[in-house]
Amino acid sequence: MLANHCEITINEHAYIKILPDTQYNLEVWKQPTTTKQSQRIGRMDYKYHRDAFAGFIYRLFPQIDMIQIHNLQKQINPFFELEI
């Protein structure tokens, strides 16, 4: 496991993994209810494409609202020295 990463919870079955030093520095992982192995369901270069984050997350989780997306970005931005 990489020492320089963070995980941010989306819901009880999914989380965001922040990997600031990689090309695709934001990954979305889902914990299936039937197995113990997580599965990556999406990834993006957040540092340069953060404007597309809301659409990216909404496509993966249509039940999420804009306030939840905004709160996720408030947690993510400090890892990239960004403000929201």
N, C-alpha and C. Protein backbone atom coordinates (compact mmCIF):
# COMPACT_ATOMS: atom_id res chain seq x y z
N MET A 1 0.84 -1.17 0.00
CA MET A 1 0.00 0.00 0.00
C MET A 1 0.89 1.24 0.00
N LEU A 2 0.50 2.26 -0.76
CA LEU A 2 1.27 3.47 -0.85
C LEU A 2 1.16 4.27 0.44
N ALA A 3 2.29 4.86 0.85
CA ALA A 3 2.29 5.65 2.07
C ALA A 3 1.62 7.00 1.86
N ASN A 4 1.67 7.53 0.66
CA ASN A 4 1.17 8.87 0.38
C ASN A 4 -0.20 8.79 -0.31
N HIS A 5 -1.21 8.35 0.43
CA HIS A 5 -2.56 8.32 -0.11
C HIS A 5 -3.57 8.53 1.01
N CYS A 6 -4.78 8.81 0.63
CA CYS A 6 -5.85 9.02 1.59
C CYS A 6 -7.12 8.41 1.03
N GLU A 7 -8.02 8.02 1.91
CA GLU A 7 -9.31 7.49 1.50
C GLU A 7 -10.42 8.35 2.08
N ILE A 8 -11.39 8.70 1.23
CA ILE A 8 -12.52 9.52 1.62
C ILE A 8 -13.79 8.73 1.34
N THR A 9 -14.62 8.57 2.33
CA THR A 9 -15.85 7.78 2.21
C THR A 9 -16.90 8.52 1.39
N ILE A 10 -17.48 7.82 0.43
CA ILE A 10 -18.63 8.33 -0.34
C ILE A 10 -19.92 7.86 0.32
N ASN A 11 -19.99 6.57 0.57
CA ASN A 11 -21.12 5.97 1.28
C ASN A 11 -20.62 4.68 1.93
N GLU A 12 -21.51 3.87 2.46
CA GLU A 12 -21.08 2.67 3.18
C GLU A 12 -20.44 1.61 2.29
N HIS A 13 -20.57 1.75 0.97
CA HIS A 13 -20.03 0.76 0.05
C HIS A 13 -19.01 1.31 -0.94
N ALA A 14 -18.64 2.58 -0.80
CA ALA A 14 -17.73 3.17 -1.79
C ALA A 14 -16.85 4.23 -1.13
N TYR A 15 -15.67 4.40 -1.70
CA TYR A 15 -14.76 5.42 -1.20
C TYR A 15 -13.89 5.93 -2.33
N ILE A 16 -13.30 7.09 -2.09
CA ILE A 16 -12.36 7.71 -3.02
C ILE A 16 -10.97 7.52 -2.46
N LYS A 17 -10.07 7.12 -3.32
CA LYS A 17 -8.67 7.00 -2.94
C LYS A 17 -7.91 8.13 -3.64
N ILE A 18 -7.20 8.94 -2.86
CA ILE A 18 -6.41 10.05 -3.39
C ILE A 18 -4.96 9.60 -3.49
N LEU A 19 -4.38 9.71 -4.68
CA LEU A 19 -2.99 9.34 -4.94
C LEU A 19 -2.30 10.53 -5.62
N PRO A 20 -1.92 11.55 -4.85
CA PRO A 20 -1.46 12.82 -5.44
C PRO A 20 -0.28 12.72 -6.39
N ASP A 21 0.55 11.73 -6.26
CA ASP A 21 1.77 11.64 -7.06
C ASP A 21 1.64 10.75 -8.29
N THR A 22 0.42 10.40 -8.69
CA THR A 22 0.22 9.55 -9.86
C THR A 22 -0.56 10.29 -10.94
N GLN A 23 -0.52 9.78 -12.16
CA GLN A 23 -1.22 10.44 -13.27
C GLN A 23 -2.72 10.49 -13.02
N TYR A 24 -3.32 9.36 -12.71
CA TYR A 24 -4.73 9.31 -12.34
C TYR A 24 -4.76 9.37 -10.82
N ASN A 25 -4.88 10.58 -10.29
CA ASN A 25 -4.64 10.79 -8.87
C ASN A 25 -5.90 10.68 -8.00
N LEU A 26 -7.03 10.33 -8.60
CA LEU A 26 -8.25 10.09 -7.85
C LEU A 26 -8.89 8.82 -8.40
N GLU A 27 -9.13 7.88 -7.52
CA GLU A 27 -9.78 6.62 -7.90
C GLU A 27 -11.01 6.41 -7.03
N VAL A 28 -12.04 5.83 -7.62
CA VAL A 28 -13.25 5.49 -6.87
C VAL A 28 -13.29 3.97 -6.76
N TRP A 29 -13.45 3.50 -5.54
CA TRP A 29 -13.48 2.07 -5.26
C TRP A 29 -14.81 1.69 -4.65
N LYS A 30 -15.27 0.51 -4.98
CA LYS A 30 -16.53 -0.01 -4.44
C LYS A 30 -16.26 -1.31 -3.72
N GLN A 31 -16.82 -1.43 -2.54
CA GLN A 31 -16.71 -2.65 -1.75
C GLN A 31 -17.95 -3.48 -2.01
N PRO A 32 -17.85 -4.54 -2.81
CA PRO A 32 -19.04 -5.38 -3.08
C PRO A 32 -19.56 -6.00 -1.79
N THR A 33 -20.84 -6.18 -1.71
CA THR A 33 -21.44 -6.76 -0.50
C THR A 33 -21.25 -8.27 -0.43
N THR A 34 -20.94 -8.91 -1.57
CA THR A 34 -20.82 -10.37 -1.58
C THR A 34 -19.39 -10.87 -1.41
N THR A 35 -18.40 -10.02 -1.64
CA THR A 35 -17.01 -10.43 -1.48
C THR A 35 -16.27 -9.42 -0.63
N LYS A 36 -15.07 -9.76 -0.23
CA LYS A 36 -14.28 -8.86 0.58
C LYS A 36 -13.26 -8.08 -0.25
N GLN A 37 -13.26 -8.25 -1.54
CA GLN A 37 -12.30 -7.59 -2.40
C GLN A 37 -12.89 -6.34 -3.04
N SER A 38 -12.23 -5.19 -2.81
CA SER A 38 -12.69 -3.94 -3.42
C SER A 38 -12.41 -3.96 -4.91
N GLN A 39 -13.19 -3.16 -5.63
CA GLN A 39 -13.06 -3.07 -7.08
C GLN A 39 -13.02 -1.59 -7.48
N ARG A 40 -12.02 -1.22 -8.28
CA ARG A 40 -11.96 0.15 -8.77
C ARG A 40 -13.02 0.33 -9.85
N ILE A 41 -13.86 1.36 -9.71
CA ILE A 41 -14.92 1.58 -10.68
C ILE A 41 -14.72 2.86 -11.49
N GLY A 42 -13.70 3.63 -11.17
CA GLY A 42 -13.42 4.84 -11.93
C GLY A 42 -12.15 5.51 -11.45
N ARG A 43 -11.56 6.29 -12.34
CA ARG A 43 -10.39 7.07 -11.95
C ARG A 43 -10.29 8.30 -12.86
N MET A 44 -9.65 9.33 -12.34
CA MET A 44 -9.51 10.56 -13.11
C MET A 44 -8.30 11.34 -12.63
N ASP A 45 -7.86 12.29 -13.43
CA ASP A 45 -6.80 13.22 -13.06
C ASP A 45 -7.50 14.43 -12.45
N TYR A 46 -7.68 14.40 -11.16
CA TYR A 46 -8.45 15.44 -10.48
C TYR A 46 -7.75 16.79 -10.52
N LYS A 47 -6.44 16.79 -10.41
CA LYS A 47 -5.71 18.05 -10.34
C LYS A 47 -5.97 18.94 -11.56
N TYR A 48 -6.07 18.35 -12.74
CA TYR A 48 -6.25 19.12 -13.96
C TYR A 48 -7.67 19.08 -14.53
N HIS A 49 -8.51 18.21 -13.99
CA HIS A 49 -9.87 18.07 -14.52
C HIS A 49 -10.91 18.13 -13.41
N ARG A 50 -10.64 18.86 -12.35
CA ARG A 50 -11.57 18.90 -11.21
C ARG A 50 -12.93 19.50 -11.58
N ASP A 51 -12.98 20.29 -12.64
CA ASP A 51 -14.27 20.84 -13.08
C ASP A 51 -15.22 19.75 -13.55
N ALA A 52 -14.69 18.61 -13.94
CA ALA A 52 -15.51 17.49 -14.41
C ALA A 52 -15.87 16.52 -13.28
N PHE A 53 -15.42 16.81 -12.06
CA PHE A 53 -15.62 15.89 -10.94
C PHE A 53 -17.10 15.62 -10.66
N ALA A 54 -17.92 16.65 -10.65
CA ALA A 54 -19.34 16.47 -10.32
C ALA A 54 -20.00 15.49 -11.29
N GLY A 55 -19.77 15.66 -12.59
CA GLY A 55 -20.34 14.75 -13.57
C GLY A 55 -19.78 13.34 -13.45
N PHE A 56 -18.49 13.24 -13.16
CA PHE A 56 -17.82 11.95 -12.98
C PHE A 56 -18.47 11.17 -11.83
N ILE A 57 -18.64 11.82 -10.68
CA ILE A 57 -19.24 11.15 -9.52
C ILE A 57 -20.72 10.87 -9.75
N TYR A 58 -21.42 11.81 -10.37
CA TYR A 58 -22.86 11.62 -10.61
C TYR A 58 -23.12 10.43 -11.52
N ARG A 59 -22.26 10.21 -12.52
CA ARG A 59 -22.44 9.04 -13.41
C ARG A 59 -22.25 7.74 -12.65
N LEU A 60 -21.36 7.74 -11.67
CA LEU A 60 -21.13 6.52 -10.88
C LEU A 60 -22.20 6.33 -9.80
N PHE A 61 -22.69 7.44 -9.25
CA PHE A 61 -23.66 7.40 -8.15
C PHE A 61 -24.80 8.38 -8.44
N PRO A 62 -25.77 8.01 -9.26
CA PRO A 62 -26.85 8.93 -9.64
C PRO A 62 -27.69 9.43 -8.46
N GLN A 63 -27.66 8.73 -7.35
CA GLN A 63 -28.44 9.13 -6.18
C GLN A 63 -27.77 10.25 -5.38
N ILE A 64 -26.53 10.60 -5.69
CA ILE A 64 -25.81 11.63 -4.94
C ILE A 64 -26.31 13.01 -5.35
N ASP A 65 -26.29 13.96 -4.42
CA ASP A 65 -26.72 15.31 -4.76
C ASP A 65 -25.52 16.27 -4.78
N MET A 66 -25.77 17.48 -5.26
CA MET A 66 -24.67 18.44 -5.44
C MET A 66 -24.03 18.87 -4.12
N ILE A 67 -24.79 18.89 -3.06
CA ILE A 67 -24.20 19.24 -1.75
C ILE A 67 -23.23 18.16 -1.31
N GLN A 68 -23.58 16.90 -1.52
CA GLN A 68 -22.67 15.80 -1.17
C GLN A 68 -21.41 15.87 -2.03
N ILE A 69 -21.56 16.18 -3.31
CA ILE A 69 -20.40 16.31 -4.19
C ILE A 69 -19.52 17.48 -3.73
N HIS A 70 -20.13 18.59 -3.39
CA HIS A 70 -19.38 19.74 -2.89
C HIS A 70 -18.60 19.38 -1.62
N ASN A 71 -19.24 18.65 -0.71
CA ASN A 71 -18.57 18.24 0.52
C ASN A 71 -17.41 17.30 0.25
N LEU A 72 -17.55 16.43 -0.74
CA LEU A 72 -16.44 15.56 -1.13
C LEU A 72 -15.27 16.40 -1.64
N GLN A 73 -15.57 17.39 -2.48
CA GLN A 73 -14.51 18.24 -3.02
C GLN A 73 -13.82 19.03 -1.93
N LYS A 74 -14.53 19.45 -0.91
CA LYS A 74 -13.91 20.16 0.21
C LYS A 74 -12.92 19.27 0.93
N GLN A 75 -13.16 17.97 0.95
CA GLN A 75 -12.23 17.03 1.58
C GLN A 75 -11.04 16.70 0.67
N ILE A 76 -11.28 16.71 -0.65
CA ILE A 76 -10.25 16.33 -1.62
C ILE A 76 -9.25 17.46 -1.89
N ASN A 77 -9.75 18.68 -2.04
CA ASN A 77 -8.93 19.81 -2.49
C ASN A 77 -7.66 20.06 -1.69
N PRO A 78 -7.65 19.92 -0.37
CA PRO A 78 -6.41 20.16 0.36
C PRO A 78 -5.24 19.26 -0.05
N PHE A 79 -5.53 18.08 -0.57
CA PHE A 79 -4.47 17.18 -1.02
C PHE A 79 -3.77 17.68 -2.28
N PHE A 80 -4.45 18.58 -2.98
CA PHE A 80 -3.88 19.15 -4.21
C PHE A 80 -3.62 20.65 -4.06
N GLU A 81 -3.68 21.12 -2.80
CA GLU A 81 -3.47 22.52 -2.49
C GLU A 81 -4.41 23.41 -3.28
N LEU A 82 -5.67 23.00 -3.37
CA LEU A 82 -6.72 23.73 -4.09
C LEU A 82 -7.75 24.20 -3.08
N GLU A 83 -8.44 25.25 -3.43
CA GLU A 83 -9.55 25.73 -2.59
C GLU A 83 -10.84 25.54 -3.36
N ILE A 84 -11.94 25.48 -2.64
CA ILE A 84 -13.24 25.38 -3.29
C ILE A 84 -14.10 26.55 -2.89
